[in-house]
N, C-alpha and C. Protein backbone atom coordinates (compact mmCIF):
# COMPACT_ATOMS: atom_id res chain seq x y z
N MET A 1 0.82 -1.14 0.00
CA MET A 1 0.04 0.00 0.00
C MET A 1 0.88 1.23 0.00
N HIS A 2 0.88 2.10 1.02
CA HIS A 2 1.67 3.30 1.00
C HIS A 2 1.90 3.79 2.42
N PRO A 3 2.90 4.62 2.61
CA PRO A 3 3.08 5.13 4.02
C PRO A 3 1.92 6.01 4.49
N ASN A 4 1.55 5.81 5.69
CA ASN A 4 0.32 6.40 6.23
C ASN A 4 0.65 7.30 7.41
N VAL A 5 0.90 8.57 7.12
CA VAL A 5 1.28 9.45 8.20
C VAL A 5 0.15 9.75 9.13
N VAL A 6 -1.07 9.70 8.71
CA VAL A 6 -2.23 9.85 9.57
C VAL A 6 -2.28 8.73 10.57
N LEU A 7 -2.02 7.48 10.15
CA LEU A 7 -1.96 6.36 11.12
C LEU A 7 -0.88 6.54 12.12
N VAL A 8 0.26 6.99 11.67
CA VAL A 8 1.33 7.25 12.64
C VAL A 8 0.97 8.29 13.68
N ALA A 9 0.33 9.38 13.21
CA ALA A 9 -0.10 10.42 14.14
C ALA A 9 -1.12 9.90 15.14
N VAL A 10 -2.08 9.08 14.64
CA VAL A 10 -3.09 8.53 15.51
C VAL A 10 -2.57 7.62 16.56
N VAL A 11 -1.64 6.75 16.18
CA VAL A 11 -1.10 5.84 17.13
C VAL A 11 -0.16 6.62 18.17
N LEU A 12 0.61 7.57 17.70
CA LEU A 12 1.45 8.23 18.62
C LEU A 12 0.59 9.08 19.62
N VAL A 13 -0.44 9.75 19.07
CA VAL A 13 -1.31 10.57 19.99
C VAL A 13 -2.00 9.63 20.98
N THR A 14 -2.52 8.54 20.50
CA THR A 14 -3.20 7.61 21.43
C THR A 14 -2.24 7.03 22.50
N ALA A 15 -1.03 6.71 22.05
CA ALA A 15 -0.05 6.11 22.96
C ALA A 15 0.47 7.13 24.04
N THR A 16 0.47 8.42 23.64
CA THR A 16 1.01 9.39 24.62
C THR A 16 -0.12 10.16 25.36
N ARG A 17 -1.26 10.40 24.68
CA ARG A 17 -2.24 11.24 25.35
C ARG A 17 -3.47 10.51 25.78
N GLY A 18 -3.74 9.32 25.19
CA GLY A 18 -4.92 8.50 25.66
C GLY A 18 -5.92 8.29 24.56
N PHE A 19 -7.00 7.66 24.96
CA PHE A 19 -8.03 7.19 24.08
C PHE A 19 -8.81 8.38 23.43
N GLY A 20 -9.19 9.34 24.22
CA GLY A 20 -10.05 10.45 23.69
C GLY A 20 -9.37 11.26 22.62
N PRO A 21 -8.19 11.77 22.90
CA PRO A 21 -7.45 12.47 21.80
C PRO A 21 -7.16 11.62 20.58
N GLY A 22 -6.87 10.32 20.84
CA GLY A 22 -6.57 9.46 19.70
C GLY A 22 -7.82 9.22 18.85
N VAL A 23 -9.02 9.06 19.44
CA VAL A 23 -10.18 8.92 18.64
C VAL A 23 -10.48 10.23 17.87
N ALA A 24 -10.28 11.39 18.45
CA ALA A 24 -10.48 12.62 17.75
C ALA A 24 -9.53 12.68 16.54
N TRP A 25 -8.29 12.38 16.75
CA TRP A 25 -7.35 12.41 15.62
C TRP A 25 -7.72 11.39 14.57
N ALA A 26 -8.18 10.25 15.01
CA ALA A 26 -8.59 9.14 14.05
C ALA A 26 -9.74 9.63 13.20
N PHE A 27 -10.73 10.18 13.81
CA PHE A 27 -11.92 10.61 13.06
C PHE A 27 -11.63 11.78 12.11
N VAL A 28 -11.01 12.83 12.63
CA VAL A 28 -10.79 13.99 11.83
C VAL A 28 -9.71 13.72 10.76
N GLY A 29 -8.63 13.09 11.15
CA GLY A 29 -7.56 12.78 10.16
C GLY A 29 -8.04 11.77 9.14
N GLY A 30 -8.82 10.73 9.60
CA GLY A 30 -9.28 9.73 8.68
C GLY A 30 -10.26 10.28 7.71
N LEU A 31 -11.17 11.06 8.15
CA LEU A 31 -12.12 11.67 7.27
C LEU A 31 -11.47 12.69 6.25
N SER A 32 -10.50 13.40 6.72
CA SER A 32 -9.78 14.26 5.80
C SER A 32 -8.98 13.40 4.72
N ALA A 33 -8.38 12.37 5.15
CA ALA A 33 -7.61 11.52 4.27
C ALA A 33 -8.58 10.79 3.32
N ASN A 34 -9.76 10.42 3.84
CA ASN A 34 -10.79 9.72 3.05
C ASN A 34 -11.32 10.59 1.88
N LEU A 35 -11.38 11.92 2.11
CA LEU A 35 -11.83 12.82 1.09
C LEU A 35 -10.79 12.98 -0.04
N LEU A 36 -9.56 12.71 0.25
CA LEU A 36 -8.50 12.78 -0.75
C LEU A 36 -8.20 11.51 -1.46
N THR A 37 -8.80 10.39 -1.15
CA THR A 37 -8.47 9.11 -1.81
C THR A 37 -9.76 8.57 -2.45
N ARG A 38 -9.50 7.44 -3.14
CA ARG A 38 -10.64 6.77 -3.77
C ARG A 38 -11.24 5.64 -2.92
N ASP A 39 -10.82 5.50 -1.70
CA ASP A 39 -11.40 4.49 -0.84
C ASP A 39 -12.84 4.78 -0.58
N PRO A 40 -13.62 3.74 -0.23
CA PRO A 40 -15.01 3.95 0.12
C PRO A 40 -15.13 4.92 1.28
N LEU A 41 -16.07 5.82 1.21
CA LEU A 41 -16.27 6.88 2.26
C LEU A 41 -16.52 6.22 3.58
N GLY A 42 -15.69 6.66 4.52
CA GLY A 42 -15.84 6.14 5.93
C GLY A 42 -14.94 4.95 6.27
N SER A 43 -14.32 4.39 5.30
CA SER A 43 -13.48 3.25 5.58
C SER A 43 -12.19 3.61 6.29
N ILE A 44 -11.60 4.71 5.92
CA ILE A 44 -10.30 5.03 6.61
C ILE A 44 -10.60 5.52 8.06
N PRO A 45 -11.61 6.40 8.30
CA PRO A 45 -11.79 6.76 9.70
C PRO A 45 -12.23 5.53 10.55
N LEU A 46 -12.99 4.61 10.01
CA LEU A 46 -13.38 3.43 10.76
C LEU A 46 -12.21 2.54 11.05
N GLY A 47 -11.33 2.36 10.15
CA GLY A 47 -10.14 1.57 10.32
C GLY A 47 -9.19 2.20 11.39
N LEU A 48 -9.08 3.52 11.32
CA LEU A 48 -8.25 4.28 12.32
C LEU A 48 -8.88 4.26 13.72
N LEU A 49 -10.16 4.27 13.78
CA LEU A 49 -10.89 4.14 15.07
C LEU A 49 -10.61 2.81 15.72
N VAL A 50 -10.62 1.79 14.91
CA VAL A 50 -10.31 0.45 15.38
C VAL A 50 -8.89 0.40 15.93
N VAL A 51 -7.99 0.92 15.19
CA VAL A 51 -6.55 0.97 15.62
C VAL A 51 -6.40 1.79 16.86
N ALA A 52 -7.08 2.93 17.01
CA ALA A 52 -6.97 3.75 18.21
C ALA A 52 -7.51 2.98 19.43
N ALA A 53 -8.59 2.19 19.24
CA ALA A 53 -9.12 1.44 20.36
C ALA A 53 -8.13 0.31 20.77
N LEU A 54 -7.52 -0.34 19.78
CA LEU A 54 -6.55 -1.34 20.02
C LEU A 54 -5.23 -0.83 20.72
N VAL A 55 -4.81 0.35 20.27
CA VAL A 55 -3.64 0.95 20.85
C VAL A 55 -3.92 1.42 22.32
N ALA A 56 -5.16 1.93 22.51
CA ALA A 56 -5.51 2.36 23.92
C ALA A 56 -5.60 1.14 24.82
N GLY A 57 -6.12 0.05 24.30
CA GLY A 57 -6.18 -1.18 25.12
C GLY A 57 -4.79 -1.72 25.36
N GLY A 58 -3.91 -1.68 24.34
CA GLY A 58 -2.58 -2.21 24.56
C GLY A 58 -1.71 -1.29 25.39
N ARG A 59 -2.11 -0.01 25.45
CA ARG A 59 -1.39 0.93 26.32
C ARG A 59 -1.49 0.53 27.75
N ARG A 60 -2.60 -0.06 28.19
CA ARG A 60 -2.71 -0.51 29.57
C ARG A 60 -1.75 -1.62 29.88
N LEU A 61 -1.54 -2.48 28.87
CA LEU A 61 -0.59 -3.63 29.07
C LEU A 61 0.82 -3.32 28.85
N PHE A 62 1.14 -2.61 27.76
CA PHE A 62 2.51 -2.37 27.30
C PHE A 62 2.91 -0.89 27.37
N GLY A 63 2.17 -0.07 28.13
CA GLY A 63 2.45 1.39 28.14
C GLY A 63 3.79 1.71 28.78
N GLY A 64 4.39 0.83 29.56
CA GLY A 64 5.63 1.10 30.21
C GLY A 64 6.77 1.04 29.20
N LEU A 65 6.53 0.47 28.07
CA LEU A 65 7.59 0.38 26.97
C LEU A 65 7.43 1.65 26.11
N VAL A 66 7.90 2.76 26.66
CA VAL A 66 7.59 4.06 26.11
C VAL A 66 8.23 4.26 24.70
N TRP A 67 9.26 3.55 24.36
CA TRP A 67 9.90 3.65 23.03
C TRP A 67 9.48 2.57 22.05
N ALA A 68 9.40 1.34 22.57
CA ALA A 68 9.15 0.18 21.75
C ALA A 68 7.64 0.02 21.39
N TYR A 69 6.80 0.31 22.38
CA TYR A 69 5.39 0.08 22.14
C TYR A 69 4.77 0.93 20.98
N PRO A 70 5.04 2.25 20.96
CA PRO A 70 4.45 3.00 19.83
C PRO A 70 4.92 2.52 18.44
N ILE A 71 6.20 2.16 18.33
CA ILE A 71 6.70 1.69 17.08
C ILE A 71 6.05 0.37 16.72
N ALA A 72 5.94 -0.57 17.58
CA ALA A 72 5.33 -1.79 17.35
C ALA A 72 3.82 -1.63 17.04
N ALA A 73 3.20 -0.73 17.76
CA ALA A 73 1.80 -0.46 17.54
C ALA A 73 1.49 0.16 16.18
N VAL A 74 2.41 0.95 15.64
CA VAL A 74 2.31 1.49 14.31
C VAL A 74 2.43 0.41 13.31
N ALA A 75 3.32 -0.48 13.44
CA ALA A 75 3.52 -1.56 12.54
C ALA A 75 2.29 -2.48 12.48
N MET A 76 1.75 -2.85 13.68
CA MET A 76 0.58 -3.69 13.73
C MET A 76 -0.69 -2.91 13.24
N GLY A 77 -0.77 -1.69 13.63
CA GLY A 77 -1.86 -0.85 13.15
C GLY A 77 -1.89 -0.64 11.64
N SER A 78 -0.69 -0.61 11.05
CA SER A 78 -0.62 -0.51 9.56
C SER A 78 -1.21 -1.75 8.96
N LEU A 79 -0.89 -2.91 9.53
CA LEU A 79 -1.45 -4.17 9.01
C LEU A 79 -2.95 -4.18 9.16
N VAL A 80 -3.42 -3.76 10.25
CA VAL A 80 -4.89 -3.72 10.48
C VAL A 80 -5.60 -2.78 9.54
N VAL A 81 -5.06 -1.60 9.41
CA VAL A 81 -5.71 -0.58 8.51
C VAL A 81 -5.70 -1.03 7.05
N ASP A 82 -4.56 -1.59 6.64
CA ASP A 82 -4.48 -2.01 5.24
C ASP A 82 -5.39 -3.26 4.93
N ALA A 83 -5.50 -4.16 5.93
CA ALA A 83 -6.47 -5.25 5.74
C ALA A 83 -7.86 -4.79 5.84
N PHE A 84 -8.15 -3.85 6.67
CA PHE A 84 -9.52 -3.26 6.72
C PHE A 84 -9.86 -2.52 5.43
N SER A 85 -8.92 -1.78 4.93
CA SER A 85 -9.14 -1.05 3.68
C SER A 85 -9.37 -2.04 2.48
N LEU A 86 -8.55 -3.08 2.42
CA LEU A 86 -8.76 -4.06 1.36
C LEU A 86 -10.11 -4.77 1.47
N GLY A 87 -10.52 -5.05 2.74
CA GLY A 87 -11.85 -5.65 2.91
C GLY A 87 -12.97 -4.76 2.55
N ALA A 88 -12.89 -3.48 2.92
CA ALA A 88 -13.95 -2.49 2.50
C ALA A 88 -13.97 -2.32 0.98
N LEU A 89 -12.84 -2.30 0.38
CA LEU A 89 -12.73 -2.13 -1.06
C LEU A 89 -13.31 -3.41 -1.75
N HIS A 90 -13.06 -4.52 -1.20
CA HIS A 90 -13.55 -5.77 -1.80
C HIS A 90 -15.15 -5.83 -1.67
N MET A 91 -15.70 -5.17 -0.67
CA MET A 91 -17.17 -5.21 -0.49
C MET A 91 -17.84 -4.32 -1.52
N VAL A 92 -17.21 -3.25 -2.00
CA VAL A 92 -17.88 -2.38 -2.91
C VAL A 92 -17.33 -2.41 -4.34
N ASP A 93 -16.28 -3.07 -4.62
CA ASP A 93 -15.67 -3.10 -5.90
C ASP A 93 -15.23 -4.54 -6.26
N ALA A 94 -14.74 -4.71 -7.43
CA ALA A 94 -14.23 -6.03 -7.85
C ALA A 94 -13.03 -6.42 -7.03
N PRO A 95 -12.80 -7.74 -6.84
CA PRO A 95 -11.65 -8.18 -6.06
C PRO A 95 -10.35 -7.66 -6.66
N VAL A 96 -9.35 -7.59 -5.82
CA VAL A 96 -8.02 -7.01 -6.24
C VAL A 96 -7.45 -8.09 -7.17
N ALA A 97 -6.99 -7.56 -8.34
CA ALA A 97 -6.33 -8.45 -9.30
C ALA A 97 -4.99 -8.97 -8.78
N GLY A 98 -4.81 -10.30 -8.88
CA GLY A 98 -3.55 -10.80 -8.44
C GLY A 98 -3.50 -11.20 -7.00
N GLY A 99 -4.58 -11.10 -6.28
CA GLY A 99 -4.62 -11.48 -4.86
C GLY A 99 -4.21 -10.34 -3.96
N VAL A 100 -4.04 -10.73 -2.75
CA VAL A 100 -3.61 -9.71 -1.73
C VAL A 100 -2.11 -9.38 -1.83
N PRO A 101 -1.80 -8.09 -1.91
CA PRO A 101 -0.42 -7.69 -2.08
C PRO A 101 0.36 -7.74 -0.71
N VAL A 102 0.65 -8.89 -0.26
CA VAL A 102 1.26 -9.08 1.07
C VAL A 102 2.61 -8.40 1.14
N GLY A 103 3.39 -8.38 0.10
CA GLY A 103 4.69 -7.71 0.12
C GLY A 103 4.59 -6.27 0.32
N ARG A 104 3.69 -5.64 -0.45
CA ARG A 104 3.45 -4.21 -0.25
C ARG A 104 2.92 -3.84 1.07
N ILE A 105 2.02 -4.67 1.61
CA ILE A 105 1.45 -4.40 2.96
C ILE A 105 2.52 -4.46 4.03
N LEU A 106 3.42 -5.46 3.96
CA LEU A 106 4.48 -5.54 4.92
C LEU A 106 5.54 -4.42 4.72
N ALA A 107 5.80 -4.06 3.52
CA ALA A 107 6.73 -2.96 3.24
C ALA A 107 6.18 -1.66 3.79
N ALA A 108 4.85 -1.41 3.65
CA ALA A 108 4.24 -0.19 4.19
C ALA A 108 4.25 -0.22 5.74
N ALA A 109 4.07 -1.38 6.37
CA ALA A 109 4.10 -1.51 7.76
C ALA A 109 5.52 -1.19 8.27
N LEU A 110 6.54 -1.62 7.57
CA LEU A 110 7.92 -1.38 7.95
C LEU A 110 8.23 0.09 7.80
N LEU A 111 7.79 0.72 6.68
CA LEU A 111 8.03 2.17 6.46
C LEU A 111 7.29 2.97 7.44
N ASN A 112 6.04 2.60 7.88
CA ASN A 112 5.33 3.38 8.88
C ASN A 112 6.04 3.26 10.24
N ALA A 113 6.59 2.06 10.51
CA ALA A 113 7.30 1.91 11.81
C ALA A 113 8.58 2.77 11.82
N VAL A 114 9.25 2.89 10.70
CA VAL A 114 10.43 3.76 10.61
C VAL A 114 10.03 5.17 10.82
N ILE A 115 8.94 5.60 10.23
CA ILE A 115 8.47 6.97 10.41
C ILE A 115 8.08 7.22 11.87
N ALA A 116 7.51 6.26 12.44
CA ALA A 116 7.14 6.39 13.85
C ALA A 116 8.39 6.41 14.77
N GLY A 117 9.40 5.60 14.43
CA GLY A 117 10.62 5.68 15.15
C GLY A 117 11.34 7.05 15.12
N ILE A 118 11.17 7.76 13.93
CA ILE A 118 11.71 9.09 13.83
C ILE A 118 10.85 10.09 14.58
N ALA A 119 9.57 9.91 14.59
CA ALA A 119 8.66 10.87 15.20
C ALA A 119 8.36 10.66 16.69
N VAL A 120 8.79 9.52 17.28
CA VAL A 120 8.46 9.20 18.64
C VAL A 120 9.13 10.12 19.61
N MET A 121 10.40 10.51 19.36
CA MET A 121 11.11 11.38 20.27
C MET A 121 10.50 12.78 20.26
N PRO A 122 10.30 13.48 19.12
CA PRO A 122 9.63 14.75 19.20
C PRO A 122 8.24 14.72 19.80
N MET A 123 7.49 13.61 19.57
CA MET A 123 6.15 13.46 20.13
C MET A 123 6.21 13.38 21.67
N ARG A 124 7.20 12.66 22.20
CA ARG A 124 7.37 12.53 23.63
C ARG A 124 7.76 13.88 24.23
N MET A 125 8.59 14.60 23.56
CA MET A 125 9.00 15.94 24.05
C MET A 125 7.78 16.88 24.06
N LEU A 126 6.94 16.83 23.04
CA LEU A 126 5.79 17.66 23.04
C LEU A 126 4.77 17.30 24.14
N ALA A 127 4.66 15.96 24.39
CA ALA A 127 3.78 15.53 25.44
C ALA A 127 4.25 15.96 26.81
N LEU A 128 5.59 15.87 27.03
CA LEU A 128 6.15 16.32 28.32
C LEU A 128 6.04 17.80 28.48
N ARG A 129 6.20 18.50 27.33
CA ARG A 129 6.16 19.97 27.47
C ARG A 129 4.74 20.45 27.76
N ALA A 130 3.71 19.80 27.17
CA ALA A 130 2.30 20.17 27.38
C ALA A 130 1.89 19.87 28.82
N GLY A 131 2.39 18.80 29.43
CA GLY A 131 2.08 18.50 30.76
C GLY A 131 0.67 17.95 30.88
N ALA A 132 0.41 17.24 31.99
CA ALA A 132 -0.87 16.61 32.18
C ALA A 132 -1.95 17.57 32.71
N ASP A 133 -1.43 18.69 33.30
CA ASP A 133 -2.44 19.64 33.98
C ASP A 133 -3.10 20.58 32.93
N GLU A 134 -2.56 20.66 31.71
CA GLU A 134 -3.17 21.56 30.71
C GLU A 134 -4.26 20.84 30.05
N THR A 135 -5.34 21.59 29.72
CA THR A 135 -6.47 21.01 28.96
C THR A 135 -6.48 21.63 27.58
N LEU A 136 -7.24 20.96 26.72
CA LEU A 136 -7.32 21.39 25.32
C LEU A 136 -8.23 22.65 25.27
N ALA A 137 -7.90 23.52 24.32
CA ALA A 137 -8.65 24.74 24.19
C ALA A 137 -9.97 24.48 23.44
N TRP A 138 -10.09 23.42 22.74
CA TRP A 138 -11.33 23.11 21.98
C TRP A 138 -12.06 22.08 22.63
């Protein structure tokens, strides 16, 4: 498939700030991305919402792994979103010619994990700078 920066942002926000901000990023970012692609309307936000829920649940178990968990969650989330996207596309269009592109899906998951590895340090710094006592303005 392709690198998914919106997925990386959703996973990093969910891993650092929690379920509520992650769902907001998943819905707004997914809907914005969905308007720019040819995927069925609503498939990208729904896939990102599923990933945000999985990341928030995994945060309770693996949240202590502050560097490894977000990167692994992005890789797994990429697999989930791409599988979800292919399933939604299969429901409304003809099947994908040549079968499921497993190599491309795994390559995209690896690329998304690399992007998350680069972005995890600045995201942690922003989360520490904002602090837990500040609330959102909106």
